[in-house]
Amino acid sequence: MDFQSIVVDIEGYFGLEIRGTRPVFRLTGLSHNSAFSNKTFEDLPEESQRKLNNAVLRAFIVQQLDLDDDTSMYHIFERLNTGVPC
């Protein structure tokens, strides 16, 4: 994902522009009881919009030095996904 893609996603759009319009990103796959189910950024309460606008987006660039050994990548993502400290 490049910087332009991140900016587009934060603006609330998802996907490529088709005939001058871009599809709006909606939160899907959530429980139907969720207050955020099927909502766009504009549909969210002002407090939730403010939290998202002020959130920090952390990005890490990981370079695999040994092309024959990809286990380090799996360990990094396992730690990130499970919250295991390094």
C-alpha atoms as a PDB file:
ATOM      1  CA  MET A   1       0.000   0.000   0.000  1.00  0.00           C
ATOM      2  CA  ASP A   2       1.477   3.337  -0.952  1.00  0.00           C
ATOM      3  CA  PHE A   3       0.965   6.744   0.664  1.00  0.00           C
ATOM      4  CA  GLN A   4      -1.713   7.768  -1.850  1.00  0.00           C
ATOM      5  CA  SER A   5      -3.746   4.627  -1.016  1.00  0.00           C
ATOM      6  CA  ILE A   6      -3.581   5.440   2.688  1.00  0.00           C
ATOM      7  CA  VAL A   7      -4.795   9.000   2.090  1.00  0.00           C
ATOM      8  CA  VAL A   8      -7.656   7.745  -0.084  1.00  0.00           C
ATOM      9  CA  ASP A   9      -8.718   5.248   2.595  1.00  0.00           C
ATOM     10  CA  ILE A  10      -8.636   7.917   5.311  1.00  0.00           C
ATOM     11  CA  GLU A  11     -10.768  10.205   3.169  1.00  0.00           C
ATOM     12  CA  GLY A  12     -13.416   7.479   3.248  1.00  0.00           C
ATOM     13  CA  TYR A  13     -13.090   6.127  -0.271  1.00  0.00           C
ATOM     14  CA  PHE A  14     -12.186   2.607  -1.221  1.00  0.00           C
ATOM     15  CA  GLY A  15     -11.119   1.329  -4.599  1.00  0.00           C
ATOM     16  CA  LEU A  16     -10.466   2.940  -7.918  1.00  0.00           C
ATOM     17  CA  GLU A  17     -12.299   5.882  -9.399  1.00  0.00           C
ATOM     18  CA  ILE A  18     -14.825   4.781 -12.034  1.00  0.00           C
ATOM     19  CA  ARG A  19     -16.465   7.341 -14.297  1.00  0.00           C
ATOM     20  CA  GLY A  20     -15.633  10.220 -11.956  1.00  0.00           C
ATOM     21  CA  THR A  21     -16.852   8.579  -8.744  1.00  0.00           C
ATOM     22  CA  ARG A  22     -15.186   6.475  -6.094  1.00  0.00           C
ATOM     23  CA  PRO A  23     -16.978   3.874  -3.972  1.00  0.00           C
ATOM     24  CA  VAL A  24     -17.408   4.947  -0.336  1.00  0.00           C
ATOM     25  CA  PHE A  25     -15.878   2.661   2.296  1.00  0.00           C
ATOM     26  CA  ARG A  26     -18.431   1.036   4.628  1.00  0.00           C
ATOM     27  CA  LEU A  27     -17.730  -0.998   7.746  1.00  0.00           C
ATOM     28  CA  THR A  28     -18.968  -4.488   6.935  1.00  0.00           C
ATOM     29  CA  GLY A  29     -18.566  -7.890   8.535  1.00  0.00           C
ATOM     30  CA  LEU A  30     -19.487  -6.610  11.988  1.00  0.00           C
ATOM     31  CA  SER A  31     -22.253  -7.953  14.187  1.00  0.00           C
ATOM     32  CA  HIS A  32     -25.632  -6.526  13.187  1.00  0.00           C
ATOM     33  CA  ASN A  33     -25.934  -5.319  16.791  1.00  0.00           C
ATOM     34  CA  SER A  34     -22.820  -3.165  16.392  1.00  0.00           C
ATOM     35  CA  ALA A  35     -23.380   0.578  16.348  1.00  0.00           C
ATOM     36  CA  PHE A  36     -20.840   0.772  13.488  1.00  0.00           C
ATOM     37  CA  SER A  37     -22.257  -1.931  11.213  1.00  0.00           C
ATOM     38  CA  ASN A  38     -22.531  -0.846   7.542  1.00  0.00           C
ATOM     39  CA  LYS A  39     -21.678   2.785   8.371  1.00  0.00           C
ATOM     40  CA  THR A  40     -19.469   5.181   6.441  1.00  0.00           C
ATOM     41  CA  PHE A  41     -17.159   7.655   8.158  1.00  0.00           C
ATOM     42  CA  GLU A  42     -19.778  10.377   7.671  1.00  0.00           C
ATOM     43  CA  ASP A  43     -22.400   8.165   9.381  1.00  0.00           C
ATOM     44  CA  LEU A  44     -20.305   7.778  12.544  1.00  0.00           C
ATOM     45  CA  PRO A  45     -20.979   9.919  15.618  1.00  0.00           C
ATOM     46  CA  GLU A  46     -18.843  13.060  15.849  1.00  0.00           C
ATOM     47  CA  GLU A  47     -16.862  11.634  18.793  1.00  0.00           C
ATOM     48  CA  SER A  48     -15.928   8.517  16.793  1.00  0.00           C
ATOM     49  CA  GLN A  49     -14.921  10.646  13.794  1.00  0.00           C
ATOM     50  CA  ARG A  50     -12.718  12.779  16.040  1.00  0.00           C
ATOM     51  CA  LYS A  51     -11.042   9.665  17.520  1.00  0.00           C
ATOM     52  CA  LEU A  52     -10.296   8.301  14.067  1.00  0.00           C
ATOM     53  CA  ASN A  53      -8.977  11.635  12.806  1.00  0.00           C
ATOM     54  CA  ASN A  54      -6.656  11.902  15.816  1.00  0.00           C
ATOM     55  CA  ALA A  55      -5.502   8.276  15.755  1.00  0.00           C
ATOM     56  CA  VAL A  56      -1.863   7.491  15.061  1.00  0.00           C
ATOM     57  CA  LEU A  57      -1.201   5.260  12.077  1.00  0.00           C
ATOM     58  CA  ARG A  58       2.002   3.331  12.672  1.00  0.00           C
ATOM     59  CA  ALA A  59       3.830   1.826   9.746  1.00  0.00           C
ATOM     60  CA  PHE A  60       6.870  -0.422   9.721  1.00  0.00           C
ATOM     61  CA  ILE A  61       9.015  -1.319   6.764  1.00  0.00           C
ATOM     62  CA  VAL A  62      10.461  -4.794   7.137  1.00  0.00           C
ATOM     63  CA  GLN A  63      13.174  -5.957   4.790  1.00  0.00           C
ATOM     64  CA  GLN A  64      13.913  -9.649   4.540  1.00  0.00           C
ATOM     65  CA  LEU A  65      17.656 -10.029   4.056  1.00  0.00           C
ATOM     66  CA  ASP A  66      17.783 -13.806   3.551  1.00  0.00           C
ATOM     67  CA  LEU A  67      15.374 -14.699   0.721  1.00  0.00           C
ATOM     68  CA  ASP A  68      15.574 -18.396   1.622  1.00  0.00           C
ATOM     69  CA  ASP A  69      14.375 -17.877   5.212  1.00  0.00           C
ATOM     70  CA  ASP A  70      10.966 -16.231   5.571  1.00  0.00           C
ATOM     71  CA  THR A  71      10.305 -17.355   9.159  1.00  0.00           C
ATOM     72  CA  SER A  72      11.206 -13.938  10.581  1.00  0.00           C
ATOM     73  CA  MET A  73       8.249 -12.387   8.764  1.00  0.00           C
ATOM     74  CA  TYR A  74       5.875 -14.936  10.314  1.00  0.00           C
ATOM     75  CA  HIS A  75       7.295 -14.276  13.790  1.00  0.00           C
ATOM     76  CA  ILE A  76       6.879 -10.517  13.414  1.00  0.00           C
ATOM     77  CA  PHE A  77       3.250 -10.766  12.305  1.00  0.00           C
ATOM     78  CA  GLU A  78       2.473 -13.361  14.962  1.00  0.00           C
ATOM     79  CA  ARG A  79       3.738 -10.966  17.628  1.00  0.00           C
ATOM     80  CA  LEU A  80       1.848  -8.036  16.152  1.00  0.00           C
ATOM     81  CA  ASN A  81      -1.408  -9.999  15.870  1.00  0.00           C
ATOM     82  CA  THR A  82      -1.245 -11.576  19.341  1.00  0.00           C
ATOM     83  CA  GLY A  83       0.216  -8.649  21.261  1.00  0.00           C
ATOM     84  CA  VAL A  84       3.210 -10.681  22.421  1.00  0.00           C
ATOM     85  CA  PRO A  85       5.980  -8.261  23.482  1.00  0.00           C
ATOM     86  CA  CYS A  86       9.350  -8.471  21.751  1.00  0.00           C
END
